[in-house]
Protein backbone atom coordinates (compact mmCIF):
# COMPACT_ATOMS: atom_id res chain seq x y z
CA MET A 1 -11.57 -11.95 -14.00
CA GLU A 2 -8.13 -10.87 -15.15
CA THR A 3 -5.17 -11.76 -12.90
CA ASN A 4 -4.22 -8.11 -12.35
CA GLU A 5 -7.77 -7.29 -11.23
CA LEU A 6 -7.74 -10.19 -8.78
CA LEU A 7 -4.38 -9.12 -7.40
CA ARG A 8 -5.59 -5.52 -7.07
CA GLU A 9 -8.68 -6.68 -5.18
CA GLN A 10 -6.51 -8.71 -2.80
CA ILE A 11 -4.14 -5.80 -2.21
CA PHE A 12 -7.10 -3.45 -1.65
CA GLU A 13 -8.47 -5.94 0.89
CA ILE A 14 -5.16 -5.85 2.80
CA ILE A 15 -5.27 -2.04 2.76
CA LYS A 16 -8.88 -2.10 4.00
CA ASN A 17 -7.78 -4.30 6.92
CA GLN A 18 -4.80 -2.07 7.68
CA LEU A 19 -7.10 0.97 7.77
CA LYS A 20 -9.68 -0.81 9.95
CA ASP A 21 -7.08 -2.16 12.38
CA ASN A 22 -4.89 0.97 12.25
CA ASP A 23 -1.92 -1.34 11.73
CA PRO A 24 0.41 0.08 10.74
CA PRO A 25 -0.93 3.50 11.72
CA GLU A 26 1.00 5.11 8.86
CA THR A 27 -1.43 3.55 6.37
CA LYS A 28 -4.37 5.46 7.85
CA GLU A 29 -2.29 8.64 8.21
CA THR A 30 -1.15 8.38 4.58
CA PHE A 31 -4.69 7.69 3.38
CA ALA A 32 -6.00 10.81 5.14
CA ARG A 33 -3.08 12.95 3.91
CA LEU A 34 -3.51 11.91 0.27
CA LYS A 35 -7.28 12.47 0.42
CA LYS A 36 -6.63 15.95 1.84
CA GLN A 37 -4.27 16.56 -1.11
CA GLY A 38 -7.19 15.91 -3.47
CA PHE A 39 -6.74 12.28 -4.48
CA ASP A 40 -9.90 10.14 -4.60
CA ASP A 41 -10.33 6.83 -2.75
CA PHE A 42 -9.29 4.70 -5.73
CA GLN A 43 -6.18 6.76 -6.49
CA THR A 44 -5.19 6.71 -2.83
CA ARG A 45 -5.62 2.96 -2.54
CA GLN A 46 -3.64 2.46 -5.75
CA MET A 47 -0.71 4.49 -4.43
CA ILE A 48 -0.71 2.67 -1.09
CA GLY A 49 -1.08 -0.58 -3.03
CA GLN A 50 2.11 0.14 -4.96
CA CYS A 51 4.00 0.34 -1.67
CA LEU A 52 2.42 -2.88 -0.49
CA ALA A 53 3.09 -4.66 -3.81
CA ILE A 54 6.83 -4.07 -3.42
CA GLU A 55 6.76 -5.85 -0.08
CA LEU A 56 4.58 -8.70 -1.31
CA PHE A 57 6.81 -9.22 -4.34
CA ASP A 58 9.94 -9.49 -2.19
CA VAL A 59 8.27 -11.99 0.13
CA MET A 60 6.81 -14.16 -2.64
CA LYS A 61 9.52 -13.92 -5.30
CA HIS A 62 12.68 -13.68 -3.21
CA GLY A 63 11.61 -15.35 0.04
CA LYS A 64 12.57 -12.25 2.02
CA THR A 65 10.82 -11.20 5.20
CA TYR A 66 8.29 -8.39 5.13
CA ASN A 67 10.11 -5.04 5.42
CA ASN A 68 7.80 -2.79 7.44
CA GLU A 69 10.45 -0.06 7.67
CA ARG A 70 10.64 0.25 3.87
CA TYR A 71 6.83 0.03 3.58
CA VAL A 72 6.38 2.93 6.02
CA LYS A 73 9.15 4.94 4.33
CA ASN A 74 7.40 4.52 0.98
CA LEU A 75 4.02 5.44 2.48
CA LEU A 76 5.42 8.64 3.94
CA ALA A 77 6.94 9.60 0.58
CA LEU A 78 3.66 9.28 -1.36
CA PRO A 79 2.57 10.58 -3.84
CA LYS A 80 6.18 10.08 -4.96
CA GLU A 81 6.67 6.67 -6.60
CA PRO A 82 7.74 4.04 -4.05
CA SER A 83 11.31 2.75 -4.20
CA GLU A 84 12.46 -0.80 -3.83
């Protein structure tokens, strides 16, 4: 399995847990909103995953703490590209 596929699967698993646990609630709200706008499950998870990847990168690469405020801001702005 290619590294990017493995990473995508792990990010999708985090999103699945966020949706199941409704934590943060903005993930579920964003998922429903994007689906209503006509995006399929995979596209929706990819967009949410981009927002999550920014946070994971900062934590792993720069040793920063998880920035939930930025994550939620990026979720609410989708389908616009997330900002760092």
